[in-house]
Amino acid sequence: MTERDRRAAVLAESLYLANLLLIPVVPFVALVLLYIRHANEGDTLAANHTRQALAGSLWAGILLVIVGGASIGIGGPHNPNTWMVVLTYLVTCHAALVLAGMIGLARAMAGRTYRYPIIGPTL
């Protein structure tokens, strides 16, 4: 593992967290560019973390935006029970995605590979 690999891995995990916590689109675009840059490097630390972070970001978009929107569409926007269920789902799901990203960031900083639980592609 080189220092360059570790820095790229930390950057990938940081972009994943920034996508979830700060602004949703700009870090995702930067993460895609970082993935393109490191995708052909084989089984390096940077390739592992960029692949995991990109997959996690895609799943986060599906889980938060599409499932949340579909739930509102199914339950109706004027039903208070819909909002109770949707808000509980979004808070729980978002917290789990952030926790997975924080563990991934810690593993990247330690120079170790990581696979997001359930949503991450196999190593």
N, C-alpha and C. Protein backbone atom coordinates (compact mmCIF):
# COMPACT_ATOMS: atom_id res chain seq x y z
N MET A 1 0.84 -1.18 0.00
CA MET A 1 0.00 0.00 0.00
C MET A 1 0.88 1.24 0.00
N THR A 2 0.59 2.13 -0.93
CA THR A 2 1.35 3.37 -1.00
C THR A 2 0.55 4.49 -0.31
N GLU A 3 1.24 5.56 -0.05
CA GLU A 3 0.60 6.72 0.57
C GLU A 3 -0.45 7.31 -0.39
N ARG A 4 -0.17 7.24 -1.68
CA ARG A 4 -1.11 7.73 -2.69
C ARG A 4 -2.42 6.93 -2.65
N ASP A 5 -2.30 5.61 -2.51
CA ASP A 5 -3.49 4.75 -2.40
C ASP A 5 -4.31 5.11 -1.15
N ARG A 6 -3.62 5.29 -0.05
CA ARG A 6 -4.32 5.60 1.19
C ARG A 6 -5.04 6.94 1.10
N ARG A 7 -4.37 7.93 0.52
CA ARG A 7 -5.00 9.25 0.37
C ARG A 7 -6.22 9.20 -0.54
N ALA A 8 -6.12 8.45 -1.63
CA ALA A 8 -7.26 8.31 -2.55
C ALA A 8 -8.42 7.57 -1.86
N ALA A 9 -8.10 6.57 -1.05
CA ALA A 9 -9.13 5.84 -0.32
C ALA A 9 -9.83 6.75 0.68
N VAL A 10 -9.06 7.54 1.40
CA VAL A 10 -9.63 8.48 2.37
C VAL A 10 -10.49 9.53 1.64
N LEU A 11 -10.01 10.00 0.49
CA LEU A 11 -10.78 10.97 -0.29
C LEU A 11 -12.10 10.37 -0.75
N ALA A 12 -12.08 9.12 -1.20
CA ALA A 12 -13.31 8.47 -1.66
C ALA A 12 -14.33 8.37 -0.53
N GLU A 13 -13.89 7.93 0.62
CA GLU A 13 -14.82 7.81 1.76
C GLU A 13 -15.30 9.18 2.23
N SER A 14 -14.43 10.17 2.17
CA SER A 14 -14.84 11.53 2.55
C SER A 14 -15.88 12.08 1.59
N LEU A 15 -15.70 11.80 0.31
CA LEU A 15 -16.68 12.25 -0.68
C LEU A 15 -18.02 11.55 -0.48
N TYR A 16 -17.99 10.28 -0.12
CA TYR A 16 -19.22 9.55 0.19
C TYR A 16 -19.97 10.23 1.34
N LEU A 17 -19.24 10.56 2.40
CA LEU A 17 -19.87 11.21 3.55
C LEU A 17 -20.34 12.62 3.21
N ALA A 18 -19.55 13.35 2.42
CA ALA A 18 -19.96 14.70 2.02
C ALA A 18 -21.23 14.64 1.17
N ASN A 19 -21.33 13.61 0.34
CA ASN A 19 -22.53 13.43 -0.48
C ASN A 19 -23.76 13.21 0.40
N LEU A 20 -23.60 12.49 1.49
CA LEU A 20 -24.72 12.24 2.40
C LEU A 20 -25.01 13.39 3.35
N LEU A 21 -23.97 14.09 3.79
CA LEU A 21 -24.15 15.04 4.88
C LEU A 21 -24.13 16.51 4.48
N LEU A 22 -23.42 16.87 3.41
CA LEU A 22 -23.28 18.28 3.07
C LEU A 22 -24.15 18.69 1.89
N ILE A 23 -23.68 18.36 0.70
CA ILE A 23 -24.44 18.67 -0.52
C ILE A 23 -24.47 17.42 -1.39
N PRO A 24 -25.61 17.07 -1.93
CA PRO A 24 -25.74 15.75 -2.54
C PRO A 24 -25.12 15.54 -3.91
N VAL A 25 -24.89 16.49 -4.74
CA VAL A 25 -24.50 16.20 -6.12
C VAL A 25 -23.01 16.40 -6.38
N VAL A 26 -22.45 17.49 -5.92
CA VAL A 26 -21.06 17.83 -6.23
C VAL A 26 -20.07 16.75 -5.76
N PRO A 27 -20.15 16.27 -4.52
CA PRO A 27 -19.23 15.20 -4.12
C PRO A 27 -19.44 13.91 -4.90
N PHE A 28 -20.67 13.63 -5.32
CA PHE A 28 -20.93 12.43 -6.11
C PHE A 28 -20.22 12.50 -7.45
N VAL A 29 -20.27 13.66 -8.10
CA VAL A 29 -19.57 13.83 -9.38
C VAL A 29 -18.07 13.66 -9.18
N ALA A 30 -17.52 14.24 -8.13
CA ALA A 30 -16.10 14.08 -7.83
C ALA A 30 -15.77 12.62 -7.54
N LEU A 31 -16.66 11.91 -6.87
CA LEU A 31 -16.46 10.49 -6.58
C LEU A 31 -16.47 9.66 -7.86
N VAL A 32 -17.34 9.99 -8.79
CA VAL A 32 -17.36 9.28 -10.08
C VAL A 32 -16.04 9.50 -10.82
N LEU A 33 -15.56 10.72 -10.82
CA LEU A 33 -14.27 11.02 -11.48
C LEU A 33 -13.13 10.27 -10.79
N LEU A 34 -13.14 10.21 -9.48
CA LEU A 34 -12.12 9.47 -8.74
C LEU A 34 -12.21 7.98 -9.05
N TYR A 35 -13.43 7.47 -9.17
CA TYR A 35 -13.62 6.06 -9.52
C TYR A 35 -13.06 5.76 -10.90
N ILE A 36 -13.33 6.63 -11.85
CA ILE A 36 -12.81 6.43 -13.21
C ILE A 36 -11.29 6.42 -13.20
N ARG A 37 -10.71 7.26 -12.38
CA ARG A 37 -9.26 7.35 -12.29
C ARG A 37 -8.62 6.09 -11.70
N HIS A 38 -9.31 5.46 -10.74
CA HIS A 38 -8.72 4.32 -10.02
C HIS A 38 -9.36 2.97 -10.35
N ALA A 39 -10.31 2.94 -11.27
CA ALA A 39 -11.04 1.69 -11.54
C ALA A 39 -10.16 0.61 -12.15
N ASN A 40 -9.18 0.98 -12.92
CA ASN A 40 -8.35 0.00 -13.63
C ASN A 40 -7.08 -0.38 -12.87
N GLU A 41 -7.00 -0.03 -11.61
CA GLU A 41 -5.79 -0.30 -10.84
C GLU A 41 -5.77 -1.68 -10.21
N GLY A 42 -6.78 -2.47 -10.47
CA GLY A 42 -6.80 -3.82 -9.92
C GLY A 42 -7.32 -3.85 -8.51
N ASP A 43 -6.55 -4.47 -7.63
CA ASP A 43 -7.02 -4.70 -6.26
C ASP A 43 -6.28 -3.82 -5.25
N THR A 44 -6.12 -2.55 -5.57
CA THR A 44 -5.44 -1.65 -4.65
C THR A 44 -6.43 -1.10 -3.63
N LEU A 45 -5.89 -0.48 -2.62
CA LEU A 45 -6.72 0.12 -1.57
C LEU A 45 -7.61 1.22 -2.15
N ALA A 46 -7.05 2.04 -3.03
CA ALA A 46 -7.83 3.12 -3.64
C ALA A 46 -8.97 2.57 -4.48
N ALA A 47 -8.72 1.53 -5.25
CA ALA A 47 -9.77 0.93 -6.08
C ALA A 47 -10.87 0.34 -5.20
N ASN A 48 -10.49 -0.31 -4.12
CA ASN A 48 -11.47 -0.89 -3.21
C ASN A 48 -12.38 0.17 -2.63
N HIS A 49 -11.81 1.23 -2.09
CA HIS A 49 -12.62 2.24 -1.41
C HIS A 49 -13.41 3.08 -2.39
N THR A 50 -12.87 3.37 -3.57
CA THR A 50 -13.66 4.13 -4.54
C THR A 50 -14.84 3.30 -5.04
N ARG A 51 -14.62 2.00 -5.27
CA ARG A 51 -15.70 1.11 -5.70
C ARG A 51 -16.79 1.03 -4.62
N GLN A 52 -16.38 0.86 -3.37
CA GLN A 52 -17.34 0.76 -2.27
C GLN A 52 -18.10 2.08 -2.08
N ALA A 53 -17.39 3.19 -2.12
CA ALA A 53 -18.03 4.48 -1.89
C ALA A 53 -19.00 4.83 -3.02
N LEU A 54 -18.64 4.49 -4.25
CA LEU A 54 -19.54 4.76 -5.37
C LEU A 54 -20.79 3.88 -5.27
N ALA A 55 -20.61 2.60 -4.98
CA ALA A 55 -21.76 1.71 -4.82
C ALA A 55 -22.63 2.18 -3.66
N GLY A 56 -22.00 2.60 -2.56
CA GLY A 56 -22.76 3.10 -1.42
C GLY A 56 -23.55 4.35 -1.76
N SER A 57 -22.95 5.24 -2.54
CA SER A 57 -23.65 6.46 -2.94
C SER A 57 -24.84 6.17 -3.85
N LEU A 58 -24.66 5.22 -4.75
CA LEU A 58 -25.77 4.85 -5.63
C LEU A 58 -26.91 4.22 -4.83
N TRP A 59 -26.56 3.32 -3.91
CA TRP A 59 -27.58 2.71 -3.05
C TRP A 59 -28.24 3.76 -2.16
N ALA A 60 -27.47 4.71 -1.67
CA ALA A 60 -28.05 5.76 -0.83
C ALA A 60 -29.09 6.56 -1.61
N GLY A 61 -28.78 6.87 -2.85
CA GLY A 61 -29.75 7.58 -3.68
C GLY A 61 -31.01 6.78 -3.89
N ILE A 62 -30.85 5.49 -4.15
CA ILE A 62 -32.02 4.63 -4.35
C ILE A 62 -32.83 4.52 -3.06
N LEU A 63 -32.14 4.25 -1.97
CA LEU A 63 -32.84 4.03 -0.70
C LEU A 63 -33.51 5.29 -0.16
N LEU A 64 -32.85 6.43 -0.31
CA LEU A 64 -33.39 7.64 0.28
C LEU A 64 -34.36 8.37 -0.64
N VAL A 65 -33.99 8.55 -1.89
CA VAL A 65 -34.82 9.35 -2.79
C VAL A 65 -35.95 8.53 -3.39
N ILE A 66 -35.60 7.42 -4.00
CA ILE A 66 -36.62 6.66 -4.72
C ILE A 66 -37.59 5.96 -3.76
N VAL A 67 -37.07 5.28 -2.75
CA VAL A 67 -37.97 4.59 -1.81
C VAL A 67 -38.77 5.61 -0.99
N GLY A 68 -38.13 6.69 -0.57
CA GLY A 68 -38.86 7.73 0.16
C GLY A 68 -39.95 8.37 -0.69
N GLY A 69 -39.62 8.67 -1.94
CA GLY A 69 -40.61 9.25 -2.84
C GLY A 69 -41.74 8.29 -3.17
N ALA A 70 -41.39 7.03 -3.36
CA ALA A 70 -42.43 6.02 -3.64
C ALA A 70 -43.35 5.85 -2.44
N SER A 71 -42.79 5.91 -1.26
CA SER A 71 -43.62 5.78 -0.05
C SER A 71 -44.61 6.93 0.06
N ILE A 72 -44.17 8.12 -0.27
CA ILE A 72 -45.08 9.27 -0.25
C ILE A 72 -46.14 9.12 -1.34
N GLY A 73 -45.71 8.62 -2.51
CA GLY A 73 -46.66 8.42 -3.59
C GLY A 73 -47.70 7.37 -3.26
N ILE A 74 -47.30 6.31 -2.59
CA ILE A 74 -48.23 5.25 -2.23
C ILE A 74 -49.17 5.68 -1.11
N GLY A 75 -48.62 6.30 -0.08
CA GLY A 75 -49.44 6.67 1.08
C GLY A 75 -50.20 7.96 0.91
N GLY A 76 -49.78 8.79 -0.01
CA GLY A 76 -50.44 10.08 -0.22
C GLY A 76 -49.81 11.16 0.63
N PRO A 77 -49.53 12.31 0.03
CA PRO A 77 -48.85 13.39 0.76
C PRO A 77 -49.69 14.06 1.84
N HIS A 78 -50.99 13.83 1.84
CA HIS A 78 -51.86 14.50 2.82
C HIS A 78 -52.21 13.61 4.01
N ASN A 79 -51.64 12.42 4.03
CA ASN A 79 -51.90 11.48 5.12
C ASN A 79 -50.79 11.62 6.17
N PRO A 80 -51.13 11.96 7.41
CA PRO A 80 -50.10 12.12 8.45
C PRO A 80 -49.33 10.83 8.74
N ASN A 81 -50.00 9.68 8.60
CA ASN A 81 -49.32 8.41 8.83
C ASN A 81 -48.21 8.18 7.81
N THR A 82 -48.42 8.65 6.61
CA THR A 82 -47.38 8.52 5.57
C THR A 82 -46.13 9.25 6.02
N TRP A 83 -46.28 10.46 6.51
CA TRP A 83 -45.11 11.24 6.92
C TRP A 83 -44.42 10.64 8.13
N MET A 84 -45.20 10.06 9.02
CA MET A 84 -44.60 9.40 10.18
C MET A 84 -43.71 8.23 9.72
N VAL A 85 -44.23 7.42 8.83
CA VAL A 85 -43.47 6.26 8.33
C VAL A 85 -42.28 6.72 7.50
N VAL A 86 -42.48 7.68 6.61
CA VAL A 86 -41.40 8.14 5.73
C VAL A 86 -40.28 8.79 6.53
N LEU A 87 -40.60 9.65 7.47
CA LEU A 87 -39.57 10.31 8.27
C LEU A 87 -38.80 9.32 9.13
N THR A 88 -39.51 8.36 9.71
CA THR A 88 -38.82 7.33 10.50
C THR A 88 -37.89 6.52 9.61
N TYR A 89 -38.35 6.14 8.43
CA TYR A 89 -37.53 5.39 7.49
C TYR A 89 -36.30 6.20 7.07
N LEU A 90 -36.52 7.46 6.68
CA LEU A 90 -35.40 8.27 6.20
C LEU A 90 -34.35 8.52 7.27
N VAL A 91 -34.76 8.82 8.48
CA VAL A 91 -33.81 9.06 9.56
C VAL A 91 -33.02 7.80 9.88
N THR A 92 -33.69 6.67 9.95
CA THR A 92 -33.02 5.41 10.27
C THR A 92 -32.08 4.99 9.16
N CYS A 93 -32.55 5.04 7.93
CA CYS A 93 -31.74 4.62 6.79
C CYS A 93 -30.54 5.55 6.61
N HIS A 94 -30.76 6.86 6.73
CA HIS A 94 -29.67 7.82 6.58
C HIS A 94 -28.61 7.61 7.65
N ALA A 95 -29.03 7.40 8.88
CA ALA A 95 -28.07 7.17 9.96
C ALA A 95 -27.25 5.92 9.72
N ALA A 96 -27.87 4.86 9.21
CA ALA A 96 -27.14 3.62 8.92
C ALA A 96 -26.13 3.83 7.80
N LEU A 97 -26.50 4.59 6.77
CA LEU A 97 -25.59 4.87 5.66
C LEU A 97 -24.41 5.72 6.13
N VAL A 98 -24.67 6.70 6.98
CA VAL A 98 -23.58 7.53 7.51
C VAL A 98 -22.65 6.70 8.39
N LEU A 99 -23.20 5.85 9.22
CA LEU A 99 -22.38 4.99 10.07
C LEU A 99 -21.47 4.09 9.22
N ALA A 100 -22.01 3.50 8.17
CA ALA A 100 -21.20 2.67 7.28
C ALA A 100 -20.08 3.49 6.65
N GLY A 101 -20.37 4.73 6.27
CA GLY A 101 -19.35 5.61 5.70
C GLY A 101 -18.27 5.99 6.69
N MET A 102 -18.66 6.19 7.94
CA MET A 102 -17.67 6.54 8.96
C MET A 102 -16.74 5.36 9.24
N ILE A 103 -17.30 4.16 9.25
CA ILE A 103 -16.45 2.97 9.43
C ILE A 103 -15.53 2.82 8.23
N GLY A 104 -16.05 3.06 7.03
CA GLY A 104 -15.22 3.00 5.83
C GLY A 104 -14.10 4.03 5.86
N LEU A 105 -14.39 5.22 6.34
CA LEU A 105 -13.36 6.25 6.45
C LEU A 105 -12.28 5.85 7.45
N ALA A 106 -12.69 5.30 8.57
CA ALA A 106 -11.72 4.84 9.57
C ALA A 106 -10.84 3.72 8.99
N ARG A 107 -11.44 2.80 8.24
CA ARG A 107 -10.67 1.72 7.63
C ARG A 107 -9.72 2.26 6.56
N ALA A 108 -10.16 3.25 5.80
CA ALA A 108 -9.28 3.85 4.79
C ALA A 108 -8.11 4.57 5.45
N MET A 109 -8.37 5.25 6.54
CA MET A 109 -7.30 5.95 7.24
C MET A 109 -6.30 4.97 7.84
N ALA A 110 -6.78 3.78 8.18
CA ALA A 110 -5.89 2.74 8.72
C ALA A 110 -5.20 1.95 7.61
N GLY A 111 -5.57 2.19 6.36
CA GLY A 111 -4.94 1.48 5.26
C GLY A 111 -5.49 0.07 5.05
N ARG A 112 -6.74 -0.15 5.45
CA ARG A 112 -7.35 -1.48 5.34
C ARG A 112 -8.53 -1.42 4.38
N THR A 113 -8.80 -2.53 3.72
CA THR A 113 -9.94 -2.59 2.81
C THR A 113 -11.24 -2.62 3.61
N TYR A 114 -12.34 -2.38 2.89
CA TYR A 114 -13.63 -2.35 3.55
C TYR A 114 -14.71 -2.72 2.55
N ARG A 115 -15.75 -3.37 3.04
CA ARG A 115 -16.94 -3.66 2.25
C ARG A 115 -18.14 -3.17 3.03
N TYR A 116 -18.92 -2.29 2.41
CA TYR A 116 -20.13 -1.81 3.08
C TYR A 116 -21.06 -2.99 3.32
N PRO A 117 -21.61 -3.11 4.53
CA PRO A 117 -22.53 -4.21 4.80
C PRO A 117 -23.79 -4.09 3.93
N ILE A 118 -24.23 -5.18 3.40
CA ILE A 118 -25.44 -5.35 2.59
C ILE A 118 -25.37 -4.63 1.24
N ILE A 119 -25.01 -3.35 1.19
CA ILE A 119 -25.06 -2.58 -0.05
C ILE A 119 -23.76 -2.60 -0.84
N GLY A 120 -22.67 -3.04 -0.23
CA GLY A 120 -21.38 -2.98 -0.90
C GLY A 120 -21.13 -4.16 -1.83
N PRO A 121 -20.44 -3.91 -2.96
CA PRO A 121 -20.09 -5.02 -3.84
C PRO A 121 -19.03 -5.90 -3.17
N THR A 122 -18.94 -7.14 -3.60
CA THR A 122 -17.97 -8.06 -3.00
C THR A 122 -16.55 -7.60 -3.29
N LEU A 123 -15.65 -7.93 -2.41
CA LEU A 123 -14.26 -7.50 -2.55
C LEU A 123 -13.52 -8.25 -3.62
